Protein backbone atom coordinates (compact mmCIF):
# COMPACT_ATOMS: atom_id res chain seq x y z
CA UNK A 1 -14.79 -13.18 5.32
CA UNK A 2 -14.92 -11.62 1.88
CA UNK A 3 -11.85 -10.76 -0.15
CA UNK A 4 -12.15 -7.69 -2.36
CA UNK A 5 -10.52 -6.69 -5.61
CA UNK A 6 -8.87 -3.36 -6.34
CA UNK A 7 -11.87 -1.98 -8.20
CA UNK A 8 -14.07 -2.36 -5.10
CA UNK A 9 -11.65 -0.24 -3.05
CA UNK A 10 -11.15 2.32 -5.82
CA UNK A 11 -14.94 2.76 -6.21
CA UNK A 12 -15.26 3.19 -2.44
CA UNK A 13 -12.48 5.78 -2.22
CA UNK A 14 -13.20 7.77 -5.39
CA UNK A 15 -17.01 7.53 -5.62
CA UNK A 16 -16.65 7.98 -9.38
CA UNK A 17 -19.25 5.35 -10.30
CA UNK A 18 -22.13 6.01 -7.92
CA UNK A 19 -23.87 2.64 -8.27
CA UNK A 20 -20.61 0.76 -7.75
CA UNK A 21 -19.72 3.07 -4.87
CA UNK A 22 -22.95 2.15 -3.09
CA UNK A 23 -22.36 -1.56 -3.70
CA UNK A 24 -18.79 -1.26 -2.41
CA UNK A 25 -19.89 0.68 0.64
CA UNK A 26 -22.57 -1.92 1.40
CA UNK A 27 -19.88 -4.63 1.35
CA UNK A 28 -17.72 -2.73 3.79
CA UNK A 29 -20.72 -2.03 6.04
CA UNK A 30 -21.91 -5.64 6.21
CA UNK A 31 -18.96 -7.99 5.70
CA UNK A 32 -15.63 -8.85 7.26
CA UNK A 33 -13.25 -7.70 4.50
CA UNK A 34 -9.87 -9.19 3.57
CA UNK A 35 -7.50 -7.10 1.42
CA UNK A 36 -4.56 -8.93 -0.17
CA UNK A 37 -1.12 -7.32 -0.43
CA UNK A 38 -1.34 -7.34 -4.22
CA UNK A 39 -4.65 -5.46 -4.07
CA UNK A 40 -3.05 -2.83 -1.83
CA UNK A 41 -0.19 -2.33 -4.29
CA UNK A 42 -2.53 -2.09 -7.24
CA UNK A 43 -4.87 0.29 -5.40
CA UNK A 44 -2.03 2.72 -4.68
CA UNK A 45 -0.95 2.58 -8.34
CA UNK A 46 -4.48 3.18 -9.66
CA UNK A 47 -5.10 6.08 -7.26
CA UNK A 48 -1.75 7.68 -8.19
CA UNK A 49 -1.75 7.04 -11.93
CA UNK A 50 -5.41 7.07 -12.99
CA UNK A 51 -6.86 9.44 -10.38
CA UNK A 52 -3.76 11.57 -9.79
CA UNK A 53 -3.99 11.31 -6.00
CA UNK A 54 -1.04 12.85 -4.18
CA UNK A 55 0.92 10.63 -1.74
CA UNK A 56 -0.69 12.29 1.29
CA UNK A 57 -4.19 11.67 -0.11
CA UNK A 58 -3.34 8.04 -0.79
CA UNK A 59 -1.85 7.49 2.66
CA UNK A 60 -4.75 9.20 4.42
CA UNK A 61 -7.30 7.19 2.43
CA UNK A 62 -5.55 3.87 3.02
CA UNK A 63 -5.07 4.54 6.74
CA UNK A 64 -8.79 5.27 7.17
CA UNK A 65 -9.77 2.20 5.17
CA UNK A 66 -7.36 -0.14 6.94
CA UNK A 67 -8.41 1.26 10.30
CA UNK A 68 -11.96 -0.03 9.93
CA UNK A 69 -12.66 -2.73 12.52
CA UNK A 70 -13.89 -5.22 9.92
CA UNK A 71 -10.90 -4.90 7.55
CA UNK A 72 -8.18 -7.56 7.68
CA UNK A 73 -4.73 -7.48 6.07
CA UNK A 74 -2.12 -10.21 5.75
CA UNK A 75 0.68 -7.93 6.86
CA UNK A 76 -0.79 -5.14 8.95
CA UNK A 77 2.58 -4.03 10.34
CA UNK A 78 4.25 -4.03 6.92
CA UNK A 79 1.40 -2.04 5.38
CA UNK A 80 1.55 0.55 8.17
CA UNK A 81 5.33 0.79 7.76
CA UNK A 82 5.02 1.14 3.98
CA UNK A 83 2.53 3.98 4.38
CA UNK A 84 4.86 5.77 6.82
CA UNK A 85 7.88 5.35 4.53
CA UNK A 86 5.83 6.47 1.51
CA UNK A 87 4.93 9.66 3.36
CA UNK A 88 8.66 10.11 4.00
CA UNK A 89 9.43 9.99 0.27
CA UNK A 90 9.83 6.35 -0.75
CA UNK A 91 7.84 5.06 -3.68
CA UNK A 92 4.91 3.10 -2.22
CA UNK A 93 5.83 -0.19 -3.88
CA UNK A 94 9.47 0.15 -2.79
CA UNK A 95 8.36 0.94 0.75
CA UNK A 96 6.11 -2.11 0.76
CA UNK A 97 8.87 -4.36 -0.63
CA UNK A 98 11.23 -3.14 2.10
CA UNK A 99 8.60 -3.52 4.83
CA UNK A 100 7.94 -7.11 3.72
CA UNK A 101 11.69 -7.85 3.66
CA UNK A 102 12.38 -7.00 7.32
CA UNK A 103 13.51 -10.54 8.15
CA UNK A 104 16.20 -10.45 5.45
CA UNK A 105 19.63 -8.85 5.77
CA UNK A 106 19.49 -7.21 2.34
CA UNK A 107 17.15 -6.25 -0.46
CA UNK A 108 18.99 -6.02 -3.79
CA UNK A 109 17.99 -3.47 -6.43
CA UNK A 110 19.39 -1.44 -9.30
CA UNK A 111 17.23 1.53 -8.22
CA UNK A 112 19.75 4.08 -6.93
CA UNK A 113 17.03 6.42 -5.68
CA UNK A 114 15.48 3.60 -3.64
CA UNK A 115 18.90 2.77 -2.17
CA UNK A 116 19.51 6.39 -1.19
CA UNK A 117 16.05 6.98 0.32
CA UNK A 118 16.00 3.67 2.20
CA UNK A 119 19.35 4.25 3.89
CA UNK A 120 19.00 3.93 7.68
CA UNK A 121 15.25 3.17 7.53
CA UNK A 122 15.56 -0.49 8.26
CA UNK A 123 17.87 -3.24 9.44
CA UNK A 124 17.33 -4.72 5.98
CA UNK A 125 19.91 -2.92 3.84
CA UNK A 126 18.86 -1.85 0.35
CA UNK A 127 21.83 -2.16 -1.97
CA UNK A 128 23.03 -2.95 -5.47
CA UNK A 129 23.70 -6.60 -6.30
CA UNK A 130 27.34 -5.69 -6.92
CA UNK A 131 29.89 -3.08 -5.79
CA UNK A 132 30.57 -0.15 -8.09
């Protein structure tokens, strides 16, 4: 199995550097591919910030990529849940943090928007670290 870095995925999805796109595609066509959680987070950020992808474009691209039979993720369920929650309005990183925290009773944050949007999404409550 071959682990890939963010730039491999970004080249594959954006095709902005044709030589690197072909090399990335060849990897995905010939290897069993492992994608780390950190690479997924960084890929979403790069697509959103540097390439100005909209959330729907990002989610569609990631779903197609992660649906390939030779692609392996550490937390397939959490990634799928994060994509769904991102489509519903949560920031992708926040959605991923919440999806990975499902076995915890709470996820503490100062992010009021995250708290509001995450309400009733999960058994893991998103809340401030103090009452106010």
